[in-house]
Every structure is written in structure tokens, then in C-alpha cells.
C-alpha atoms as a PDB file:
ATOM      1  CA  UNK A   1      69.139 -31.080  -9.679  1.00  0.00           C
ATOM      2  CA  UNK A   2      65.969 -28.975  -9.586  1.00  0.00           C
ATOM      3  CA  UNK A   3      62.621 -30.725  -9.701  1.00  0.00           C
ATOM      4  CA  UNK A   4      59.523 -28.949 -11.026  1.00  0.00           C
ATOM      5  CA  UNK A   5      56.588 -29.048  -8.607  1.00  0.00           C
ATOM      6  CA  UNK A   6      54.038 -27.572 -10.993  1.00  0.00           C
ATOM      7  CA  UNK A   7      52.516 -24.159 -11.490  1.00  0.00           C
ATOM      8  CA  UNK A   8      48.859 -23.405 -11.010  1.00  0.00           C
ATOM      9  CA  UNK A   9      47.276 -20.205 -12.257  1.00  0.00           C
ATOM     10  CA  UNK A  10      46.398 -19.230  -8.684  1.00  0.00           C
ATOM     11  CA  UNK A  11      49.906 -19.752  -7.297  1.00  0.00           C
ATOM     12  CA  UNK A  12      51.615 -17.957 -10.180  1.00  0.00           C
ATOM     13  CA  UNK A  13      49.098 -15.133  -9.848  1.00  0.00           C
ATOM     14  CA  UNK A  14      50.033 -14.851  -6.169  1.00  0.00           C
ATOM     15  CA  UNK A  15      53.723 -14.534  -7.091  1.00  0.00           C
ATOM     16  CA  UNK A  16      52.956 -11.895  -9.721  1.00  0.00           C
ATOM     17  CA  UNK A  17      50.735  -9.959  -7.299  1.00  0.00           C
ATOM     18  CA  UNK A  18      53.387 -10.156  -4.558  1.00  0.00           C
ATOM     19  CA  UNK A  19      56.102  -8.673  -6.768  1.00  0.00           C
ATOM     20  CA  UNK A  20      53.742  -6.035  -8.161  1.00  0.00           C
ATOM     21  CA  UNK A  21      52.607  -4.826  -4.746  1.00  0.00           C
ATOM     22  CA  UNK A  22      56.142  -4.937  -3.295  1.00  0.00           C
ATOM     23  CA  UNK A  23      57.220  -2.560  -6.063  1.00  0.00           C
ATOM     24  CA  UNK A  24      54.075  -0.398  -5.795  1.00  0.00           C
ATOM     25  CA  UNK A  25      53.038  -0.972  -9.418  1.00  0.00           C
ATOM     26  CA  UNK A  26      49.463  -0.933 -10.623  1.00  0.00           C
ATOM     27  CA  UNK A  27      48.097  -3.568 -12.963  1.00  0.00           C
ATOM     28  CA  UNK A  28      47.684  -0.837 -15.585  1.00  0.00           C
ATOM     29  CA  UNK A  29      51.340   0.206 -15.335  1.00  0.00           C
ATOM     30  CA  UNK A  30      52.514  -3.405 -15.733  1.00  0.00           C
ATOM     31  CA  UNK A  31      50.113  -3.989 -18.613  1.00  0.00           C
ATOM     32  CA  UNK A  32      51.556  -0.938 -20.391  1.00  0.00           C
ATOM     33  CA  UNK A  33      55.103  -2.204 -19.752  1.00  0.00           C
ATOM     34  CA  UNK A  34      54.183  -5.607 -21.196  1.00  0.00           C
ATOM     35  CA  UNK A  35      52.241  -4.127 -24.124  1.00  0.00           C
ATOM     36  CA  UNK A  36      48.987  -5.838 -23.164  1.00  0.00           C
ATOM     37  CA  UNK A  37      45.536  -4.788 -21.974  1.00  0.00           C
ATOM     38  CA  UNK A  38      45.045  -4.258 -18.230  1.00  0.00           C
ATOM     39  CA  UNK A  39      42.293  -6.895 -18.133  1.00  0.00           C
ATOM     40  CA  UNK A  40      44.699  -9.434 -19.634  1.00  0.00           C
ATOM     41  CA  UNK A  41      47.236  -8.681 -16.914  1.00  0.00           C
ATOM     42  CA  UNK A  42      44.492  -8.927 -14.295  1.00  0.00           C
ATOM     43  CA  UNK A  43      43.646 -12.410 -15.577  1.00  0.00           C
ATOM     44  CA  UNK A  44      47.322 -13.390 -15.166  1.00  0.00           C
ATOM     45  CA  UNK A  45      46.964 -12.674 -11.453  1.00  0.00           C
ATOM     46  CA  UNK A  46      43.755 -14.683 -11.148  1.00  0.00           C
ATOM     47  CA  UNK A  47      42.793 -17.283 -13.746  1.00  0.00           C
ATOM     48  CA  UNK A  48      45.304 -17.443 -16.583  1.00  0.00           C
ATOM     49  CA  UNK A  49      48.956 -18.425 -16.944  1.00  0.00           C
ATOM     50  CA  UNK A  50      51.081 -15.903 -18.819  1.00  0.00           C
ATOM     51  CA  UNK A  51      53.379 -16.860 -21.658  1.00  0.00           C
ATOM     52  CA  UNK A  52      57.052 -17.403 -20.842  1.00  0.00           C
ATOM     53  CA  UNK A  53      58.032 -14.088 -22.460  1.00  0.00           C
ATOM     54  CA  UNK A  54      55.782 -12.263 -19.979  1.00  0.00           C
ATOM     55  CA  UNK A  55      57.472 -14.016 -17.050  1.00  0.00           C
ATOM     56  CA  UNK A  56      60.887 -13.159 -18.494  1.00  0.00           C
ATOM     57  CA  UNK A  57      59.955  -9.477 -18.929  1.00  0.00           C
ATOM     58  CA  UNK A  58      58.647  -9.311 -15.363  1.00  0.00           C
ATOM     59  CA  UNK A  59      61.832 -10.914 -14.017  1.00  0.00           C
ATOM     60  CA  UNK A  60      63.877  -8.274 -15.864  1.00  0.00           C
ATOM     61  CA  UNK A  61      61.659  -5.483 -14.511  1.00  0.00           C
ATOM     62  CA  UNK A  62      62.005  -6.758 -10.929  1.00  0.00           C
ATOM     63  CA  UNK A  63      65.751  -7.348 -11.438  1.00  0.00           C
ATOM     64  CA  UNK A  64      65.592 -11.029 -10.497  1.00  0.00           C
ATOM     65  CA  UNK A  65      66.391 -14.172 -12.441  1.00  0.00           C
ATOM     66  CA  UNK A  66      63.539 -16.261 -13.823  1.00  0.00           C
ATOM     67  CA  UNK A  67      64.698 -18.947 -11.357  1.00  0.00           C
ATOM     68  CA  UNK A  68      64.240 -16.527  -8.472  1.00  0.00           C
ATOM     69  CA  UNK A  69      60.880 -15.355  -9.815  1.00  0.00           C
ATOM     70  CA  UNK A  70      59.628 -18.969 -10.031  1.00  0.00           C
ATOM     71  CA  UNK A  71      61.509 -20.400  -7.031  1.00  0.00           C
ATOM     72  CA  UNK A  72      58.306 -21.481  -5.241  1.00  0.00           C
ATOM     73  CA  UNK A  73      57.629 -23.989  -8.013  1.00  0.00           C
ATOM     74  CA  UNK A  74      60.898 -25.917  -7.761  1.00  0.00           C
ATOM     75  CA  UNK A  75      62.704 -27.994  -5.181  1.00  0.00           C
ATOM     76  CA  UNK A  76      66.199 -29.417  -5.161  1.00  0.00           C
ATOM     77  CA  UNK A  77      66.435 -33.160  -5.609  1.00  0.00           C
ATOM     78  CA  UNK A  78      69.052 -34.711  -3.334  1.00  0.00           C
ATOM     79  CA  UNK A  79      71.915 -36.748  -4.764  1.00  0.00           C
ATOM     80  CA  UNK A  80      71.220 -40.476  -4.558  1.00  0.00           C
ATOM     81  CA  UNK A  81      74.593 -40.949  -2.861  1.00  0.00           C
ATOM     82  CA  UNK A  82      73.940 -38.479  -0.062  1.00  0.00           C
ATOM     83  CA  UNK A  83      72.037 -39.896   2.921  1.00  0.00           C
ATOM     84  CA  UNK A  84      69.369 -37.810   4.586  1.00  0.00           C
ATOM     85  CA  UNK A  85      70.505 -36.186   7.795  1.00  0.00           C
ATOM     86  CA  UNK A  86      68.799 -37.380  10.943  1.00  0.00           C
ATOM     87  CA  UNK A  87      67.874 -34.046  12.467  1.00  0.00           C
ATOM     88  CA  UNK A  88      66.721 -33.679  16.024  1.00  0.00           C
ATOM     89  CA  UNK A  89      64.807 -30.418  15.448  1.00  0.00           C
ATOM     90  CA  UNK A  90      63.031 -28.737  12.522  1.00  0.00           C
ATOM     91  CA  UNK A  91      65.784 -26.102  12.321  1.00  0.00           C
ATOM     92  CA  UNK A  92      68.400 -28.808  11.664  1.00  0.00           C
ATOM     93  CA  UNK A  93      66.702 -30.126   8.520  1.00  0.00           C
ATOM     94  CA  UNK A  94      68.922 -29.806   5.457  1.00  0.00           C
ATOM     95  CA  UNK A  95      66.218 -29.280   2.857  1.00  0.00           C
ATOM     96  CA  UNK A  96      66.875 -32.633   1.186  1.00  0.00           C
ATOM     97  CA  UNK A  97      63.900 -34.067   3.052  1.00  0.00           C
ATOM     98  CA  UNK A  98      61.560 -31.733   1.151  1.00  0.00           C
ATOM     99  CA  UNK A  99      61.984 -33.781  -1.992  1.00  0.00           C
ATOM    100  CA  UNK A 100      60.160 -36.702  -0.418  1.00  0.00           C
ATOM    101  CA  UNK A 101      57.049 -34.956   0.942  1.00  0.00           C
ATOM    102  CA  UNK A 102      53.881 -36.981   1.208  1.00  0.00           C
ATOM    103  CA  UNK A 103      50.526 -35.467   0.210  1.00  0.00           C
ATOM    104  CA  UNK A 104      49.681 -34.366   3.751  1.00  0.00           C
ATOM    105  CA  UNK A 105      53.055 -32.611   4.127  1.00  0.00           C
ATOM    106  CA  UNK A 106      52.598 -30.896   0.760  1.00  0.00           C
ATOM    107  CA  UNK A 107      49.173 -29.687   1.869  1.00  0.00           C
ATOM    108  CA  UNK A 108      50.685 -28.197   5.041  1.00  0.00           C
ATOM    109  CA  UNK A 109      53.370 -26.478   2.982  1.00  0.00           C
ATOM    110  CA  UNK A 110      50.782 -24.982   0.613  1.00  0.00           C
ATOM    111  CA  UNK A 111      48.729 -23.748   3.581  1.00  0.00           C
ATOM    112  CA  UNK A 112      51.830 -22.110   5.037  1.00  0.00           C
ATOM    113  CA  UNK A 113      52.743 -20.453   1.729  1.00  0.00           C
ATOM    114  CA  UNK A 114      49.254 -18.937   1.414  1.00  0.00           C
ATOM    115  CA  UNK A 115      49.095 -17.785   5.038  1.00  0.00           C
ATOM    116  CA  UNK A 116      49.633 -14.090   5.711  1.00  0.00           C
ATOM    117  CA  UNK A 117      50.414 -14.707   9.401  1.00  0.00           C
ATOM    118  CA  UNK A 118      53.414 -16.977   8.771  1.00  0.00           C
ATOM    119  CA  UNK A 119      55.280 -16.094  11.981  1.00  0.00           C
ATOM    120  CA  UNK A 120      52.268 -16.945  14.113  1.00  0.00           C
ATOM    121  CA  UNK A 121      51.695 -20.206  12.242  1.00  0.00           C
ATOM    122  CA  UNK A 122      55.359 -21.181  12.476  1.00  0.00           C
ATOM    123  CA  UNK A 123      55.462 -20.441  16.216  1.00  0.00           C
ATOM    124  CA  UNK A 124      52.359 -22.590  16.789  1.00  0.00           C
ATOM    125  CA  UNK A 125      53.885 -25.417  14.722  1.00  0.00           C
ATOM    126  CA  UNK A 126      57.088 -25.244  16.799  1.00  0.00           C
ATOM    127  CA  UNK A 127      55.024 -25.360  19.987  1.00  0.00           C
ATOM    128  CA  UNK A 128      53.138 -28.460  18.813  1.00  0.00           C
ATOM    129  CA  UNK A 129      56.367 -30.085  17.582  1.00  0.00           C
ATOM    130  CA  UNK A 130      57.982 -29.444  20.972  1.00  0.00           C
ATOM    131  CA  UNK A 131      55.029 -30.997  22.824  1.00  0.00           C
ATOM    132  CA  UNK A 132      55.145 -34.045  20.527  1.00  0.00           C
ATOM    133  CA  UNK A 133      58.893 -34.321  21.017  1.00  0.00           C
ATOM    134  CA  UNK A 134      58.455 -34.301  24.803  1.00  0.00           C
ATOM    135  CA  UNK A 135      55.846 -37.062  24.551  1.00  0.00           C
ATOM    136  CA  UNK A 136      58.040 -39.219  22.289  1.00  0.00           C
ATOM    137  CA  UNK A 137      61.189 -38.617  24.368  1.00  0.00           C
ATOM    138  CA  UNK A 138      60.094 -38.326  28.029  1.00  0.00           C
ATOM    139  CA  UNK A 139      63.658 -38.734  29.356  1.00  0.00           C
ATOM    140  CA  UNK A 140      64.668 -35.293  28.033  1.00  0.00           C
END
């Protein structure tokens, strides 16, 4: 079951901007495609949420499902019957644990999503995790 995490204007604008720049479209070209003014489209990328029909038209243009277009705003809720896996490293996590993030973990996830140097950030996080793991398990 998918669980809605919420959409902010800023986050949705980031998604729209990402797709637009990946496909080398200008705001004016997308505004013409959508039948709206360029300034209206610009506001969608900064301070205003578009209507659902706009999101659907953009998903069609980019040849992705609406689910794929909005994937950053949903998480999968684990079945109540399935126990969480006890993973010994971050790479072994199943994804079910993401449903139960606390506020601090959510903040870290949002920082990661907004970071343009993701590989560097991820490598540093792995380094810190490894150091912590060594401290917690000195016999290894």
C-alpha cells in the first residue's frame, strides 16, 4: 500500500524543473504545450501547485506514469504481517523501514534529496556509519 508523504510547492517545483531541464525544454515551450502563460508555469516551479490535469499532461509529455512523476511524494507501507528485516548494513535495508521514519530521519532524507552532490554525501554517510559500527561492535 502506498502512503502519501505530502507535496509542497517547492518540492513539486523541483520535480517539474528536473524533468524540464533533463528534456531541454524551456518554461515558455512547456507553457505553450499546457496552454498557459509562461509566468504561470514559472510559478508552478517556485510558489504554486499546479492542477492535477497539468501534472497528468506533463507525465504524458515525459512518457512516464503519474506515479513515476510523483514518486518522491509516496512511500510503500509494509504489511502488518511482515516483520522488519534486521539488516547489518545500510545496503541490506529492505525499504520497509522507511515507513517508520522519525522527524530527524525525515529531515536527513529531505536534505539528501535536495543535495546536488549526492554521491559525496552518501560516501560521507557510509564512512560515518562504518565508524559508528566499529565503535558499537569492537570485536569485528
